[in-house]
Amino acid sequence: MATPFLRVDRILGDRPFTEVGDPVLAVADRGRGLLAVAGAIERRGVAPVGVYRTDDLACLALLRSRDRVHAMAFHPTLPLLAVGTGGYDGGYFFTGELLLLDLETGAHASLLEHEYGRKVLGLEWLDAQELRILLAPPDDWQDRAAHVEGHVAVVRRPDWRAVPPRTVAPAELAGPRVPAPRPDGREAARRALSGLAADWDPRHSIRAVEALPDGRILAALDAVAVESWLPSGQRQWAVPDEWGGRDLVVAADGRSTWVAGPVPWVWKGPAQSVARLSLADGTELDRLPPAGPVTLVRCLDGRPALAPVGSDGELGRLRVRRGSRVYFRQHVSAPRAVGRGPDDTTWLAAADLPELPELPELSEHDGWSAEGPHRPRRKAYRRLFPFAFTPGETHFAGPGVELDDGGLVHTGTVYDGRGLQPGGSFVVRRAAADGAPLWVFRTDPEATALDADDRHAYVGYRDGGLVALDLRTGTATRGRLSVGGVVAVPTALTVAGPGRLLVGTDDGRILDCSVELPAQGLPGRTVNS
């Protein structure tokens, strides 16, 4: 299903093999003129696999694996690609999948029956019915050699195109123990891509995108703090950064932009960066050391603000655009009584924006600034209402916007110890006074981005879905984002003017789009209260 309300007018950052990012493995089928390329796992948590025609480099099929890809093999006669993935949990198990991608339909299935799967290290088709599989041992308990050895098994199916998911039983994977080196295929993959496209260069997931009055477009992405694109479609400049940029807000002077890096991981990575860069050439003009993890948002007064992220890290990162206040999801260490209703240990808190011309004495003392980002101190925040709006649930945060009436529309997920459950992702419109939900739109996939105009909220999803929600009723107009017939995941959305939407994708492209919506959307899975 295409996106019925969206027309892509131009694409920035489009180049050969964009879908896979930085390659780690490439396998050719010279007889059919095909090349399968697996990309590295990035902070978006997926490893893409794309299949391309070698004559025109068109992407024929794409899948996204949750684990690193170690092996791929084209079926000798059928339009199928076997993909072996896997990882190590850091303490005991090797887990992974055997995936089968149909090159004609684009559908794929995970074939291993075991709950945790097996780490697949090698694949070879012996003939049209037999697949030789090299697997890591199930675990490394009292087995140091498990990291350099494996087991060989041969799985037979009369018609691999008709194999149902989760039907390769553990008994079929039993086989002799053999040496199993873990080769690094990155250099060979890069050579293969460079041999087909001299201008090939990996792109990374777009995290934020903004339009400038002069027609330029800014983007923050993994591995690049900020890049600037000219109206002609050429990239003007880019500022490489190992950890990349996460949030963008153009400064009040109109000649610079603020950028915040990703929230640091507990076990890895440098302290979070917040910097101001020149819009002329990307030169760094200023740098702020945040006291703790923050998200950078644009307030209603046009100025940036640094909002605390809280103790839950990325899961608690509430990003409310165009707020008359600075919001954050505040965790309060208090016992939760049985039957008490919503999770009252987590609140929506806010700090009001002072009127700077009337209260200049507040600028520095209370963390407010006429030049840099607003930085309200913790004492300036007050609790508004419990963050969770459903009794008995704990809600994590996502992107949102403040509406003209002071209410909020934001995304989030329902916490569950088993992971994200069906219907566990939501978009909610909440009343300004008490946070009561005016409508709730629930989905299975997690929302990745949100912005709104005066009539609709636009929401991107991790499965490539793109939805327009009527702000008054929550009625949904649904679609799926695709580029060249291949599904793309929207990771950044910005309303850039009436009828114009900028969409950043997980493969590093920026889509400049026109929006055309009917007066009434299509019925969605919406709950009105």
Protein backbone atom coordinates (compact mmCIF):
# COMPACT_ATOMS: atom_id res chain seq x y z
CA MET A 1 0.00 0.00 0.00
CA ALA A 2 1.43 3.36 -1.03
CA THR A 3 1.02 6.52 1.02
CA PRO A 4 -2.20 8.05 -0.37
CA PHE A 5 -1.66 11.52 1.06
CA LEU A 6 2.03 11.93 0.23
CA ARG A 7 3.83 12.73 -3.02
CA VAL A 8 7.64 12.63 -3.06
CA ASP A 9 8.81 15.69 -5.02
CA ARG A 10 12.56 15.17 -4.68
CA ILE A 11 15.06 12.96 -2.88
CA LEU A 12 18.29 14.11 -1.25
CA GLY A 13 21.07 11.69 -0.34
CA ASP A 14 19.99 9.10 -2.90
CA ARG A 15 22.88 7.07 -4.25
CA PRO A 16 23.70 3.45 -5.15
CA PHE A 17 23.25 0.92 -2.34
CA THR A 18 21.76 3.55 -0.03
CA GLU A 19 19.41 0.97 1.52
CA VAL A 20 22.19 -1.04 3.21
CA GLY A 21 24.45 1.67 4.64
CA ASP A 22 27.93 0.42 5.55
CA PRO A 23 28.35 -3.07 4.01
CA VAL A 24 29.71 -6.05 5.94
CA LEU A 25 29.09 -8.83 3.42
CA ALA A 26 28.39 -9.10 -0.33
CA VAL A 27 27.51 -12.24 -2.31
CA ALA A 28 27.05 -12.33 -6.09
CA ASP A 29 24.90 -14.47 -8.35
CA ARG A 30 26.64 -13.79 -11.65
CA GLY A 31 24.35 -16.04 -13.65
CA ARG A 32 21.32 -13.92 -12.79
CA GLY A 33 23.20 -10.64 -12.51
CA LEU A 34 22.37 -10.13 -8.83
CA LEU A 35 24.29 -8.91 -5.80
CA ALA A 36 23.17 -9.40 -2.18
CA VAL A 37 24.60 -6.88 0.27
CA ALA A 38 24.30 -6.94 4.06
CA GLY A 39 24.79 -3.78 6.06
CA ALA A 40 26.13 -3.25 9.57
CA ILE A 41 23.88 -2.96 12.59
CA GLU A 42 23.58 0.68 13.55
CA ARG A 43 22.02 2.33 16.58
CA ARG A 44 18.64 1.91 14.93
CA GLY A 45 19.02 -1.77 15.88
CA VAL A 46 18.67 -3.49 12.50
CA ALA A 47 20.97 -5.00 9.90
CA PRO A 48 19.62 -4.43 6.36
CA VAL A 49 20.02 -6.89 3.49
CA GLY A 50 19.42 -5.64 -0.04
CA VAL A 51 19.39 -7.54 -3.32
CA TYR A 52 20.41 -5.51 -6.38
CA ARG A 53 20.57 -5.95 -10.13
CA THR A 54 24.17 -5.44 -11.20
CA ASP A 55 23.29 -3.80 -14.53
CA ASP A 56 21.30 -0.80 -13.22
CA LEU A 57 21.84 -1.22 -9.42
CA ALA A 58 18.09 -1.23 -8.77
CA CYS A 59 17.11 -2.64 -5.38
CA LEU A 60 14.81 -5.62 -5.93
CA ALA A 61 14.18 -6.70 -2.34
CA LEU A 62 15.06 -5.62 1.16
CA LEU A 63 14.83 -7.20 4.59
CA ARG A 64 15.85 -5.93 8.01
CA SER A 65 17.43 -8.37 10.45
CA ARG A 66 17.60 -7.87 14.21
CA ASP A 67 21.05 -9.53 14.30
CA ARG A 68 24.28 -9.19 12.37
CA VAL A 69 24.38 -11.03 9.04
CA HIS A 70 27.12 -13.67 8.74
CA ALA A 71 26.17 -15.61 5.61
CA MET A 72 24.06 -15.39 2.45
CA ALA A 73 23.44 -17.80 -0.42
CA PHE A 74 21.29 -17.58 -3.56
CA HIS A 75 19.16 -20.63 -4.30
CA PRO A 76 20.45 -22.32 -7.48
CA THR A 77 17.10 -22.25 -9.32
CA LEU A 78 14.43 -20.47 -7.29
CA PRO A 79 14.22 -16.68 -6.67
CA LEU A 80 15.28 -17.11 -3.04
CA LEU A 81 18.10 -15.82 -0.85
CA ALA A 82 19.05 -17.65 2.36
CA VAL A 83 20.40 -15.34 5.06
CA GLY A 84 22.16 -16.45 8.24
CA THR A 85 22.30 -14.10 11.23
CA GLY A 86 23.28 -14.21 14.84
CA GLY A 87 24.87 -12.74 17.91
CA TYR A 88 26.11 -13.54 21.39
CA ASP A 89 24.18 -12.41 24.45
CA GLY A 90 27.40 -11.57 26.31
CA GLY A 91 27.16 -14.26 28.91
CA TYR A 92 25.89 -17.60 27.64
CA PHE A 93 23.78 -18.05 24.47
CA PHE A 94 24.48 -17.77 20.76
CA THR A 95 21.22 -16.71 19.10
CA GLY A 96 20.21 -15.98 15.53
CA GLU A 97 17.99 -16.77 12.57
CA LEU A 98 17.88 -18.54 9.24
CA LEU A 99 15.92 -16.18 7.01
CA LEU A 100 14.56 -16.94 3.56
CA LEU A 101 13.89 -13.93 1.31
CA ASP A 102 11.63 -14.28 -1.75
CA LEU A 103 13.10 -12.02 -4.42
CA GLU A 104 9.84 -11.77 -6.38
CA THR A 105 7.43 -10.93 -3.56
CA GLY A 106 9.86 -9.30 -1.09
CA ALA A 107 8.43 -11.46 1.70
CA HIS A 108 10.73 -13.24 4.11
CA ALA A 109 10.36 -15.90 6.79
CA SER A 110 12.39 -17.00 9.81
CA LEU A 111 12.73 -20.78 9.58
CA LEU A 112 14.27 -21.99 12.85
CA GLU A 113 11.80 -23.48 15.29
CA HIS A 114 13.79 -22.84 18.48
CA GLU A 115 12.67 -19.87 20.59
CA TYR A 116 16.12 -18.27 20.59
CA GLY A 117 17.18 -19.62 17.21
CA ARG A 118 20.81 -20.42 16.45
CA LYS A 119 23.70 -18.29 15.27
CA VAL A 120 24.16 -19.13 11.59
CA LEU A 121 27.75 -18.72 10.40
CA GLY A 122 27.73 -20.26 6.92
CA LEU A 123 25.32 -21.28 4.14
CA GLU A 124 25.77 -23.34 0.97
CA TRP A 125 23.16 -24.80 -1.38
CA LEU A 126 24.24 -28.33 -2.26
CA ASP A 127 21.42 -28.62 -4.79
CA ALA A 128 17.87 -27.35 -5.23
CA GLN A 129 16.65 -29.26 -2.15
CA GLU A 130 19.56 -29.39 0.31
CA LEU A 131 21.02 -26.48 2.27
CA ARG A 132 24.28 -26.91 4.19
CA ILE A 133 24.32 -24.81 7.36
CA LEU A 134 27.24 -23.99 9.64
CA LEU A 135 26.04 -23.00 13.11
CA ALA A 136 27.69 -21.83 16.29
CA PRO A 137 27.08 -24.07 19.32
CA PRO A 138 23.93 -23.17 21.27
CA ASP A 139 26.01 -21.74 24.13
CA ASP A 140 29.56 -21.51 25.48
CA TRP A 141 28.95 -23.08 28.89
CA GLN A 142 32.33 -24.66 29.83
CA ASP A 143 33.20 -24.53 26.13
CA ARG A 144 35.86 -21.98 25.21
CA ALA A 145 36.13 -23.42 21.70
CA ALA A 146 32.50 -22.46 21.02
CA HIS A 147 33.75 -19.11 19.67
CA VAL A 148 35.96 -20.73 17.01
CA GLU A 149 34.11 -23.95 16.25
CA GLY A 150 30.63 -24.92 15.11
CA HIS A 151 28.33 -27.66 13.88
CA VAL A 152 27.50 -28.61 10.29
CA ALA A 153 24.01 -29.71 9.35
CA VAL A 154 22.21 -30.36 6.04
CA VAL A 155 18.54 -29.46 5.90
CA ARG A 156 16.41 -30.86 3.08
CA ARG A 157 13.10 -29.56 1.73
CA PRO A 158 11.45 -30.61 -1.56
CA ASP A 159 10.23 -27.05 -2.26
CA TRP A 160 11.97 -24.27 -0.35
CA ARG A 161 9.51 -21.69 -1.59
CA ALA A 162 6.73 -23.48 0.33
CA VAL A 163 8.54 -23.83 3.67
CA PRO A 164 6.42 -22.41 6.52
CA PRO A 165 8.05 -20.22 9.19
CA ARG A 166 9.52 -21.82 12.33
CA THR A 167 9.55 -25.36 10.93
CA VAL A 168 13.26 -26.29 10.97
CA ALA A 169 13.42 -28.32 14.18
CA PRO A 170 16.47 -28.45 16.51
CA ALA A 171 16.99 -32.13 15.69
CA GLU A 172 17.63 -31.23 12.04
CA LEU A 173 20.50 -28.97 13.10
CA ALA A 174 22.49 -31.68 14.87
CA GLY A 175 25.78 -32.38 13.14
CA PRO A 176 29.50 -32.93 13.59
CA ARG A 177 31.72 -30.38 15.32
CA VAL A 178 34.09 -28.59 12.92
CA PRO A 179 36.38 -25.54 12.91
CA ALA A 180 34.31 -22.42 12.25
CA PRO A 181 36.38 -19.29 11.63
CA ARG A 182 34.52 -15.98 11.65
CA PRO A 183 35.87 -14.15 8.58
CA ASP A 184 35.52 -10.39 8.20
CA GLY A 185 33.86 -9.64 4.88
CA ARG A 186 33.79 -5.85 5.10
CA GLU A 187 36.72 -5.04 2.83
CA ALA A 188 35.59 -7.47 0.15
CA ALA A 189 32.06 -6.04 0.32
CA ARG A 190 33.34 -2.50 -0.09
CA ARG A 191 35.40 -3.53 -3.12
CA ALA A 192 32.39 -5.22 -4.68
CA LEU A 193 30.25 -2.09 -4.31
CA SER A 194 33.00 0.27 -5.46
CA GLY A 195 33.54 -1.87 -8.54
CA LEU A 196 29.91 -1.34 -9.56
CA ALA A 197 29.52 2.30 -8.50
CA ALA A 198 32.52 4.61 -8.22
CA ASP A 199 30.40 7.25 -6.45
CA TRP A 200 29.16 4.79 -3.82
CA ASP A 201 29.37 6.12 -0.28
CA PRO A 202 27.45 4.78 2.75
CA ARG A 203 24.66 6.85 4.25
CA HIS A 204 23.27 6.53 7.77
CA SER A 205 19.96 6.91 9.57
CA ILE A 206 18.47 10.43 9.55
CA ARG A 207 17.62 11.57 13.08
CA ALA A 208 16.34 15.12 12.50
CA VAL A 209 15.59 17.33 9.50
CA GLU A 210 14.80 21.04 9.23
CA ALA A 211 14.08 23.52 6.40
CA LEU A 212 15.76 26.95 6.30
CA PRO A 213 14.12 30.12 4.92
CA ASP A 214 16.71 30.30 2.12
CA GLY A 215 15.65 26.89 0.76
CA ARG A 216 18.41 24.84 2.28
CA ILE A 217 17.68 21.67 4.26
CA LEU A 218 19.57 20.58 7.37
CA ALA A 219 19.81 17.02 8.65
CA ALA A 220 21.35 15.29 11.64
CA LEU A 221 22.21 11.64 11.21
CA ASP A 222 24.28 8.79 12.58
CA ALA A 223 28.00 9.46 11.93
CA VAL A 224 27.28 13.09 10.85
CA ALA A 225 26.43 15.80 13.38
CA VAL A 226 24.84 18.09 10.76
CA GLU A 227 24.79 18.34 6.97
CA SER A 228 23.44 21.13 4.76
CA TRP A 229 21.76 20.63 1.38
CA LEU A 230 21.40 23.43 -1.19
CA PRO A 231 18.13 24.06 -3.09
CA SER A 232 19.91 22.60 -6.13
CA GLY A 233 20.07 19.20 -4.41
CA GLN A 234 23.83 19.29 -3.80
CA ARG A 235 25.27 18.75 -0.34
CA GLN A 236 26.87 22.03 0.72
CA TRP A 237 28.78 20.82 3.78
CA ALA A 238 28.80 18.10 6.43
CA VAL A 239 30.32 17.76 9.89
CA PRO A 240 31.41 14.14 10.48
CA ASP A 241 31.04 12.86 14.02
CA GLU A 242 31.51 9.34 15.35
CA TRP A 243 28.25 9.42 17.30
CA GLY A 244 26.34 11.73 14.99
CA GLY A 245 23.55 14.21 15.72
CA ARG A 246 20.15 13.48 17.20
CA ASP A 247 18.25 16.81 17.60
CA LEU A 248 18.40 20.03 15.55
CA VAL A 249 17.10 23.53 16.34
CA VAL A 250 18.01 26.58 14.26
CA ALA A 251 19.32 29.35 16.53
CA ALA A 252 17.49 32.64 17.01
CA ASP A 253 20.20 34.54 15.07
CA GLY A 254 19.26 32.63 11.88
CA ARG A 255 22.95 32.15 11.13
CA SER A 256 23.65 29.05 13.20
CA THR A 257 22.06 25.85 14.42
CA TRP A 258 22.17 23.94 17.67
CA VAL A 259 22.68 20.18 17.55
CA ALA A 260 22.56 17.60 20.34
CA GLY A 261 24.20 14.21 20.14
CA PRO A 262 22.56 10.95 21.19
CA VAL A 263 21.83 10.14 24.80
CA PRO A 264 24.95 8.26 25.98
CA TRP A 265 24.74 4.56 26.64
CA VAL A 266 25.30 3.53 30.23
CA TRP A 267 28.20 1.24 29.34
CA LYS A 268 29.70 2.91 26.31
CA GLY A 269 30.28 6.20 24.56
CA PRO A 270 31.39 9.72 25.40
CA ALA A 271 29.43 12.35 27.27
CA GLN A 272 26.56 13.85 25.30
CA SER A 273 27.45 16.88 23.18
CA VAL A 274 25.43 20.05 22.56
CA ALA A 275 27.03 22.42 20.06
CA ARG A 276 26.22 25.46 17.92
CA LEU A 277 27.43 25.32 14.31
CA SER A 278 27.64 28.01 11.65
CA LEU A 279 25.09 27.64 8.86
CA ALA A 280 27.66 29.01 6.41
CA ASP A 281 30.11 26.10 6.61
CA GLY A 282 29.41 24.00 9.73
CA THR A 283 32.18 25.56 11.83
CA GLU A 284 31.65 24.98 15.56
CA LEU A 285 30.88 28.26 17.31
CA ASP A 286 29.96 27.15 20.81
CA ARG A 287 29.65 24.02 22.94
CA LEU A 288 27.65 23.42 26.12
CA PRO A 289 28.31 20.68 28.68
CA PRO A 290 24.86 19.44 29.78
CA ALA A 291 24.59 18.45 33.43
CA GLY A 292 22.94 15.18 32.41
CA PRO A 293 21.26 13.50 29.44
CA VAL A 294 19.07 15.99 27.55
CA THR A 295 16.95 16.32 24.45
CA LEU A 296 17.05 19.49 22.35
CA VAL A 297 13.67 20.95 21.35
CA ARG A 298 12.36 24.11 19.69
CA CYS A 299 10.04 26.12 21.94
CA LEU A 300 7.03 28.19 20.96
CA ASP A 301 9.15 31.36 21.24
CA GLY A 302 11.44 29.96 18.52
CA ARG A 303 14.35 29.32 20.85
CA PRO A 304 15.95 25.98 21.64
CA ALA A 305 15.64 24.36 25.04
CA LEU A 306 17.42 21.49 26.77
CA ALA A 307 14.91 19.19 28.44
CA PRO A 308 16.07 16.50 30.88
CA VAL A 309 15.76 12.92 29.69
CA GLY A 310 15.40 11.29 33.09
CA SER A 311 16.56 8.01 34.55
CA ASP A 312 15.12 5.75 31.83
CA GLY A 313 17.49 7.05 29.17
CA GLU A 314 16.33 6.81 25.57
CA LEU A 315 13.06 5.15 26.61
CA GLY A 316 12.13 8.21 28.67
CA ARG A 317 13.17 10.80 26.10
CA LEU A 318 10.06 12.96 25.63
CA ARG A 319 10.62 15.43 22.75
CA VAL A 320 7.85 18.03 22.60
CA ARG A 321 8.19 20.59 19.80
CA ARG A 322 6.86 24.15 19.87
CA GLY A 323 6.01 24.02 23.56
CA SER A 324 5.03 27.06 25.60
CA ARG A 325 6.74 25.08 28.35
CA VAL A 326 9.67 22.69 28.53
CA TYR A 327 8.40 19.16 29.19
CA PHE A 328 9.97 16.01 30.47
CA ARG A 329 8.95 12.61 31.78
CA GLN A 330 9.89 12.68 35.44
CA HIS A 331 10.43 9.49 37.37
CA VAL A 332 9.64 9.73 41.08
CA SER A 333 10.97 7.03 43.37
CA ALA A 334 7.81 6.28 45.29
CA PRO A 335 6.11 2.95 46.08
CA ARG A 336 3.15 2.09 43.93
CA ALA A 337 0.11 0.96 45.88
CA VAL A 338 -1.99 -1.93 44.60
CA GLY A 339 -5.07 -0.69 42.76
CA ARG A 340 -3.89 2.90 42.80
CA GLY A 341 -4.53 3.44 39.09
CA PRO A 342 -2.05 4.92 36.63
CA ASP A 343 1.67 4.66 37.33
CA ASP A 344 2.00 7.65 39.67
CA THR A 345 5.76 7.18 39.98
CA THR A 346 6.16 8.72 36.51
CA TRP A 347 4.79 12.19 35.83
CA LEU A 348 4.64 14.67 33.02
CA ALA A 349 6.51 17.69 34.37
CA ALA A 350 6.95 21.11 32.79
CA ALA A 351 8.80 24.38 33.34
CA ASP A 352 7.16 27.57 32.06
CA LEU A 353 8.96 29.87 29.64
CA PRO A 354 9.42 33.32 31.19
CA GLU A 355 8.85 36.45 29.16
CA LEU A 356 12.48 37.39 28.81
CA PRO A 357 12.04 41.11 28.01
CA GLU A 358 10.01 41.56 31.19
CA LEU A 359 12.07 39.28 33.43
CA PRO A 360 15.71 39.66 32.32
CA GLU A 361 16.95 38.84 35.81
CA LEU A 362 15.83 35.23 35.30
CA SER A 363 17.97 34.66 32.23
CA GLU A 364 21.13 33.26 33.78
CA HIS A 365 20.11 32.55 37.35
CA ASP A 366 17.30 30.14 36.49
CA GLY A 367 18.85 28.68 33.37
CA TRP A 368 17.05 30.86 30.82
CA SER A 369 19.04 32.52 28.05
CA ALA A 370 18.25 35.07 25.38
CA GLU A 371 21.03 33.67 23.14
CA GLY A 372 21.57 29.96 23.83
CA PRO A 373 19.12 27.20 24.72
CA HIS A 374 16.73 27.57 27.62
CA ARG A 375 18.06 25.37 30.42
CA PRO A 376 15.51 25.35 33.24
CA ARG A 377 16.80 24.04 36.51
CA ARG A 378 15.08 21.10 38.14
CA LYS A 379 13.41 23.35 40.70
CA ALA A 380 11.58 25.15 37.87
CA TYR A 381 9.68 22.02 36.88
CA ARG A 382 6.32 21.17 38.39
CA ARG A 383 4.35 17.97 38.01
CA LEU A 384 1.27 18.28 35.83
CA PHE A 385 -0.30 14.80 35.84
CA PRO A 386 0.70 11.11 35.74
CA PHE A 387 2.42 10.24 32.50
CA ALA A 388 0.53 6.96 32.04
CA PHE A 389 -3.13 7.50 31.16
CA THR A 390 -4.25 3.86 31.44
CA PRO A 391 -4.68 2.23 34.87
CA GLY A 392 -2.05 -0.40 35.61
CA GLU A 393 0.27 0.49 32.72
CA THR A 394 3.72 2.05 32.62
CA HIS A 395 4.34 4.23 29.57
CA PHE A 396 7.63 5.18 27.95
CA ALA A 397 7.94 8.38 25.93
CA GLY A 398 8.51 9.45 22.34
CA PRO A 399 8.22 12.52 20.11
CA GLY A 400 5.34 14.98 20.44
CA VAL A 401 4.05 18.48 19.80
CA GLU A 402 2.11 21.07 21.81
CA LEU A 403 -1.12 22.20 20.16
CA ASP A 404 -2.68 25.67 20.03
CA ASP A 405 -4.95 24.89 23.00
CA GLY A 406 -1.97 23.89 25.18
CA GLY A 407 -2.73 20.17 24.92
CA LEU A 408 -0.26 17.60 23.68
CA VAL A 409 -0.06 14.93 21.01
CA HIS A 410 2.75 12.48 21.66
CA THR A 411 3.82 8.91 20.99
CA GLY A 412 4.90 6.26 23.45
CA THR A 413 5.02 2.58 24.24
CA VAL A 414 3.55 0.42 26.99
CA TYR A 415 6.20 -1.19 29.15
CA ASP A 416 6.08 -4.98 29.24
CA GLY A 417 8.82 -7.27 30.51
CA ARG A 418 8.39 -9.42 27.40
CA GLY A 419 9.10 -6.51 25.02
CA LEU A 420 6.73 -4.53 22.84
CA GLN A 421 3.41 -6.40 22.65
CA PRO A 422 0.64 -6.12 20.02
CA GLY A 423 -1.08 -2.77 20.40
CA GLY A 424 1.69 -1.60 22.72
CA SER A 425 2.62 1.48 20.66
CA PHE A 426 0.36 4.51 20.85
CA VAL A 427 -0.26 8.09 19.80
CA VAL A 428 -2.40 10.08 22.22
CA ARG A 429 -3.95 13.53 22.32
CA ARG A 430 -4.09 14.77 25.91
CA ALA A 431 -6.05 17.63 27.46
CA ALA A 432 -3.98 20.52 28.75
CA ALA A 433 -5.70 20.70 32.15
CA ASP A 434 -5.42 17.13 33.44
CA GLY A 435 -3.80 15.01 30.72
CA ALA A 436 -6.99 13.08 30.01
CA PRO A 437 -6.79 11.23 26.66
CA LEU A 438 -9.10 12.80 24.08
CA TRP A 439 -8.25 9.99 21.69
CA VAL A 440 -5.71 7.17 21.51
CA PHE A 441 -4.41 5.50 18.34
CA ARG A 442 -2.75 2.13 19.00
CA THR A 443 -0.54 0.07 16.71
CA ASP A 444 1.79 -2.92 16.88
CA PRO A 445 4.97 -1.29 15.47
CA GLU A 446 6.78 1.41 17.41
CA ALA A 447 6.45 5.04 16.30
CA THR A 448 9.72 6.61 15.19
CA ALA A 449 8.82 10.25 14.44
CA LEU A 450 5.98 12.77 14.76
CA ASP A 451 5.13 16.33 13.76
CA ALA A 452 1.86 18.18 13.18
CA ASP A 453 0.28 21.05 11.32
CA ASP A 454 -2.99 22.76 12.27
CA ARG A 455 -5.16 19.78 11.18
CA HIS A 456 -3.17 16.56 11.33
CA ALA A 457 -0.41 14.79 13.21
CA TYR A 458 1.96 12.83 10.97
CA VAL A 459 3.50 9.71 12.47
CA GLY A 460 6.21 7.42 11.12
CA TYR A 461 6.60 3.80 12.19
CA ARG A 462 9.41 1.27 12.39
CA ASP A 463 7.76 -0.99 9.80
CA GLY A 464 7.66 1.78 7.18
CA GLY A 465 4.13 2.88 8.02
CA LEU A 466 3.20 6.56 7.73
CA VAL A 467 -0.09 7.75 9.22
CA ALA A 468 -1.93 11.08 9.25
CA LEU A 469 -4.16 11.49 12.32
CA ASP A 470 -6.97 14.04 12.40
CA LEU A 471 -6.17 16.20 15.43
CA ARG A 472 -9.84 16.60 16.34
CA THR A 473 -10.98 12.98 16.14
CA GLY A 474 -7.88 10.80 15.88
CA THR A 475 -9.19 9.35 12.60
CA ALA A 476 -6.33 7.83 10.62
CA THR A 477 -5.30 7.96 7.00
CA ARG A 478 -2.83 5.13 6.59
CA GLY A 479 -0.01 4.52 4.16
CA ARG A 480 3.40 2.93 3.77
CA LEU A 481 6.51 4.82 2.79
CA SER A 482 8.43 3.43 -0.18
CA VAL A 483 11.20 4.64 -2.46
CA GLY A 484 11.62 2.92 -5.80
CA GLY A 485 9.10 0.30 -4.78
CA VAL A 486 11.08 -0.69 -1.66
CA VAL A 487 9.75 0.06 1.83
CA ALA A 488 11.66 2.80 3.67
CA VAL A 489 11.45 3.49 7.40
CA PRO A 490 10.71 7.13 8.35
CA THR A 491 12.97 8.16 11.24
CA ALA A 492 12.47 11.95 11.17
CA LEU A 493 9.47 14.11 10.21
CA THR A 494 9.16 17.89 9.99
CA VAL A 495 6.26 19.98 8.72
CA ALA A 496 8.14 22.53 6.61
CA GLY A 497 5.17 24.68 5.58
CA PRO A 498 1.59 24.35 4.36
CA GLY A 499 1.27 21.08 2.48
CA ARG A 500 4.98 20.27 2.78
CA LEU A 501 6.55 17.49 4.82
CA LEU A 502 10.23 16.56 5.12
CA VAL A 503 10.85 12.88 5.81
CA GLY A 504 14.20 11.45 6.86
CA THR A 505 14.65 7.69 6.42
CA ASP A 506 16.65 5.00 8.16
CA ASP A 507 18.80 4.56 5.03
CA GLY A 508 19.96 8.19 4.96
CA ARG A 509 17.61 9.74 2.41
CA ILE A 510 15.67 12.98 2.80
CA LEU A 511 12.31 13.08 1.05
CA ASP A 512 10.84 16.49 0.25
CA CYS A 513 7.13 15.75 -0.01
CA SER A 514 3.78 17.36 -0.79
CA VAL A 515 0.83 16.47 1.44
CA GLU A 516 -2.70 16.21 0.08
CA LEU A 517 -5.32 15.02 2.54
CA PRO A 518 -9.06 14.61 2.12
CA ALA A 519 -11.41 16.36 4.49
CA GLN A 520 -12.04 13.07 6.30
CA GLY A 521 -9.47 10.34 6.87
CA LEU A 522 -9.99 6.62 6.53
CA PRO A 523 -11.19 4.78 9.64
CA GLY A 524 -8.30 3.78 11.86
CA ARG A 525 -7.91 1.72 15.01
CA THR A 526 -8.85 4.68 17.18
CA VAL A 527 -10.37 4.91 20.64
CA ASN A 528 -12.27 8.09 21.49
CA SER A 529 -13.09 8.93 25.07
